[in-house]
Amino acid sequence: MSELSREEMQKEIARLKEEHAALDARVEAYNEQVWMSPEDQIAQKECKKLKLKAKERMTELQEKLDKMA
């Protein structure tokens, strides 16, 4: 994969922030449930994993942007 330009990195960070916020809302919705089925528990764990991956990617891109400045 080729290197992203500064503008592309900023757009990707913005997209990842939106994705992270949406996943956070889903995790919170699961947390508010009194009881979760095994399927819900698996879905919640998957949301948490995806949320962490988005956060890690945002951090990685931000560090690259900081180095470019």
N, C-alpha and C. Protein backbone atom coordinates (compact mmCIF):
# COMPACT_ATOMS: atom_id res chain seq x y z
N MET A 1 0.85 -1.18 0.00
CA MET A 1 0.00 0.00 0.00
C MET A 1 0.88 1.24 0.00
N SER A 2 0.54 2.22 -0.79
CA SER A 2 1.34 3.42 -0.87
C SER A 2 1.07 4.32 0.33
N GLU A 3 2.00 5.21 0.56
CA GLU A 3 1.88 6.15 1.67
C GLU A 3 0.73 7.12 1.42
N LEU A 4 0.03 7.45 2.49
CA LEU A 4 -1.08 8.40 2.40
C LEU A 4 -0.54 9.82 2.48
N SER A 5 -1.21 10.72 1.78
CA SER A 5 -0.84 12.13 1.89
C SER A 5 -1.37 12.67 3.21
N ARG A 6 -0.91 13.84 3.58
CA ARG A 6 -1.35 14.48 4.82
C ARG A 6 -2.88 14.64 4.84
N GLU A 7 -3.43 15.09 3.72
CA GLU A 7 -4.88 15.29 3.64
C GLU A 7 -5.64 13.96 3.77
N GLU A 8 -5.11 12.93 3.12
CA GLU A 8 -5.74 11.61 3.21
C GLU A 8 -5.70 11.08 4.64
N MET A 9 -4.59 11.31 5.33
CA MET A 9 -4.47 10.89 6.72
C MET A 9 -5.50 11.60 7.59
N GLN A 10 -5.66 12.90 7.38
CA GLN A 10 -6.62 13.66 8.16
C GLN A 10 -8.05 13.17 7.90
N LYS A 11 -8.37 12.86 6.64
CA LYS A 11 -9.69 12.32 6.31
C LYS A 11 -9.90 10.95 6.96
N GLU A 12 -8.86 10.13 6.93
CA GLU A 12 -8.95 8.80 7.52
C GLU A 12 -9.14 8.90 9.04
N ILE A 13 -8.44 9.82 9.66
CA ILE A 13 -8.60 10.03 11.11
C ILE A 13 -10.03 10.46 11.42
N ALA A 14 -10.58 11.36 10.63
CA ALA A 14 -11.95 11.82 10.84
C ALA A 14 -12.94 10.66 10.67
N ARG A 15 -12.72 9.83 9.67
CA ARG A 15 -13.60 8.67 9.45
C ARG A 15 -13.50 7.69 10.62
N LEU A 16 -12.27 7.47 11.09
CA LEU A 16 -12.06 6.55 12.20
C LEU A 16 -12.69 7.09 13.49
N LYS A 17 -12.65 8.40 13.68
CA LYS A 17 -13.29 8.99 14.87
C LYS A 17 -14.79 8.73 14.85
N GLU A 18 -15.41 8.87 13.68
CA GLU A 18 -16.84 8.60 13.54
C GLU A 18 -17.14 7.12 13.81
N GLU A 19 -16.30 6.26 13.24
CA GLU A 19 -16.48 4.82 13.45
C GLU A 19 -16.32 4.47 14.93
N HIS A 20 -15.32 5.06 15.57
CA HIS A 20 -15.06 4.81 16.99
C HIS A 20 -16.25 5.27 17.84
N ALA A 21 -16.80 6.43 17.53
CA ALA A 21 -17.94 6.95 18.28
C ALA A 21 -19.16 6.04 18.11
N ALA A 22 -19.39 5.56 16.89
CA ALA A 22 -20.53 4.68 16.64
C ALA A 22 -20.36 3.36 17.40
N LEU A 23 -19.16 2.82 17.38
CA LEU A 23 -18.90 1.58 18.11
C LEU A 23 -19.03 1.80 19.62
N ASP A 24 -18.59 2.95 20.10
CA ASP A 24 -18.72 3.27 21.52
C ASP A 24 -20.20 3.31 21.92
N ALA A 25 -21.02 3.89 21.08
CA ALA A 25 -22.46 3.95 21.35
C ALA A 25 -23.06 2.54 21.41
N ARG A 26 -22.61 1.67 20.50
CA ARG A 26 -23.12 0.29 20.51
C ARG A 26 -22.69 -0.45 21.77
N VAL A 27 -21.43 -0.26 22.18
CA VAL A 27 -20.94 -0.91 23.40
C VAL A 27 -21.75 -0.41 24.60
N GLU A 28 -22.00 0.89 24.66
CA GLU A 28 -22.78 1.46 25.77
C GLU A 28 -24.20 0.91 25.78
N ALA A 29 -24.78 0.72 24.60
CA ALA A 29 -26.13 0.15 24.52
C ALA A 29 -26.13 -1.28 25.09
N TYR A 30 -25.10 -2.04 24.78
CA TYR A 30 -24.99 -3.38 25.36
C TYR A 30 -24.82 -3.30 26.87
N ASN A 31 -24.02 -2.35 27.34
CA ASN A 31 -23.78 -2.20 28.78
C ASN A 31 -25.06 -1.87 29.54
N GLU A 32 -25.99 -1.22 28.89
CA GLU A 32 -27.24 -0.82 29.55
C GLU A 32 -28.25 -1.97 29.63
N GLN A 33 -28.00 -3.04 28.90
CA GLN A 33 -28.91 -4.18 28.94
C GLN A 33 -28.79 -4.89 30.29
N VAL A 34 -29.93 -5.29 30.82
CA VAL A 34 -29.95 -6.02 32.09
C VAL A 34 -29.39 -7.43 31.89
N TRP A 35 -29.73 -8.02 30.75
CA TRP A 35 -29.29 -9.37 30.43
C TRP A 35 -28.88 -9.42 28.97
N MET A 36 -27.79 -10.11 28.69
CA MET A 36 -27.34 -10.26 27.31
C MET A 36 -27.30 -11.73 26.94
N SER A 37 -27.80 -12.03 25.76
CA SER A 37 -27.71 -13.40 25.24
C SER A 37 -26.25 -13.67 24.89
N PRO A 38 -25.90 -14.93 24.72
CA PRO A 38 -24.52 -15.24 24.31
C PRO A 38 -24.15 -14.54 22.99
N GLU A 39 -25.12 -14.42 22.08
CA GLU A 39 -24.87 -13.72 20.81
C GLU A 39 -24.57 -12.24 21.05
N ASP A 40 -25.32 -11.64 21.98
CA ASP A 40 -25.08 -10.23 22.31
C ASP A 40 -23.70 -10.05 22.95
N GLN A 41 -23.32 -10.99 23.78
CA GLN A 41 -22.01 -10.91 24.43
C GLN A 41 -20.89 -10.98 23.39
N ILE A 42 -21.07 -11.86 22.42
CA ILE A 42 -20.07 -11.98 21.34
C ILE A 42 -20.04 -10.69 20.52
N ALA A 43 -21.21 -10.15 20.20
CA ALA A 43 -21.29 -8.92 19.42
C ALA A 43 -20.65 -7.76 20.18
N GLN A 44 -20.88 -7.69 21.48
CA GLN A 44 -20.27 -6.64 22.30
C GLN A 44 -18.74 -6.75 22.28
N LYS A 45 -18.23 -7.95 22.41
CA LYS A 45 -16.78 -8.16 22.38
C LYS A 45 -16.21 -7.75 21.02
N GLU A 46 -16.93 -8.09 19.95
CA GLU A 46 -16.47 -7.71 18.61
C GLU A 46 -16.45 -6.18 18.46
N CYS A 47 -17.48 -5.52 18.98
CA CYS A 47 -17.51 -4.06 18.93
C CYS A 47 -16.31 -3.46 19.68
N LYS A 48 -16.01 -4.04 20.83
CA LYS A 48 -14.87 -3.55 21.62
C LYS A 48 -13.56 -3.74 20.86
N LYS A 49 -13.42 -4.89 20.19
CA LYS A 49 -12.20 -5.14 19.41
C LYS A 49 -12.08 -4.15 18.25
N LEU A 50 -13.18 -3.93 17.55
CA LEU A 50 -13.16 -2.99 16.42
C LEU A 50 -12.89 -1.57 16.90
N LYS A 51 -13.45 -1.23 18.03
CA LYS A 51 -13.23 0.09 18.62
C LYS A 51 -11.75 0.29 18.95
N LEU A 52 -11.13 -0.73 19.52
CA LEU A 52 -9.71 -0.66 19.85
C LEU A 52 -8.86 -0.55 18.59
N LYS A 53 -9.20 -1.31 17.56
CA LYS A 53 -8.45 -1.24 16.30
C LYS A 53 -8.55 0.16 15.69
N ALA A 54 -9.74 0.74 15.73
CA ALA A 54 -9.92 2.10 15.20
C ALA A 54 -9.07 3.09 15.98
N LYS A 55 -9.06 2.96 17.30
CA LYS A 55 -8.27 3.86 18.15
C LYS A 55 -6.78 3.71 17.86
N GLU A 56 -6.32 2.48 17.71
CA GLU A 56 -4.91 2.24 17.42
C GLU A 56 -4.52 2.84 16.07
N ARG A 57 -5.38 2.69 15.08
CA ARG A 57 -5.11 3.24 13.75
C ARG A 57 -5.09 4.76 13.79
N MET A 58 -6.03 5.36 14.54
CA MET A 58 -6.04 6.82 14.68
C MET A 58 -4.74 7.31 15.30
N THR A 59 -4.30 6.62 16.33
CA THR A 59 -3.06 6.98 17.01
C THR A 59 -1.87 6.87 16.06
N GLU A 60 -1.84 5.78 15.30
CA GLU A 60 -0.75 5.57 14.34
C GLU A 60 -0.72 6.70 13.30
N LEU A 61 -1.87 7.03 12.74
CA LEU A 61 -1.92 8.09 11.73
C LEU A 61 -1.57 9.45 12.32
N GLN A 62 -2.05 9.71 13.54
CA GLN A 62 -1.74 10.99 14.18
C GLN A 62 -0.25 11.13 14.44
N GLU A 63 0.40 10.04 14.84
CA GLU A 63 1.84 10.07 15.06
C GLU A 63 2.58 10.37 13.76
N LYS A 64 2.12 9.77 12.66
CA LYS A 64 2.73 10.05 11.35
C LYS A 64 2.55 11.50 10.96
N LEU A 65 1.35 12.03 11.22
CA LEU A 65 1.09 13.44 10.89
C LEU A 65 1.99 14.35 11.73
N ASP A 66 2.14 14.02 13.00
CA ASP A 66 2.99 14.83 13.88
C ASP A 66 4.44 14.84 13.41
N LYS A 67 4.91 13.72 12.89
CA LYS A 67 6.27 13.64 12.38
C LYS A 67 6.46 14.45 11.11
N MET A 68 5.37 14.57 10.32
CA MET A 68 5.44 15.32 9.06
C MET A 68 5.47 16.84 9.32
N ALA A 69 4.97 17.25 10.47
CA ALA A 69 4.87 18.69 10.75
C ALA A 69 6.21 19.31 11.01
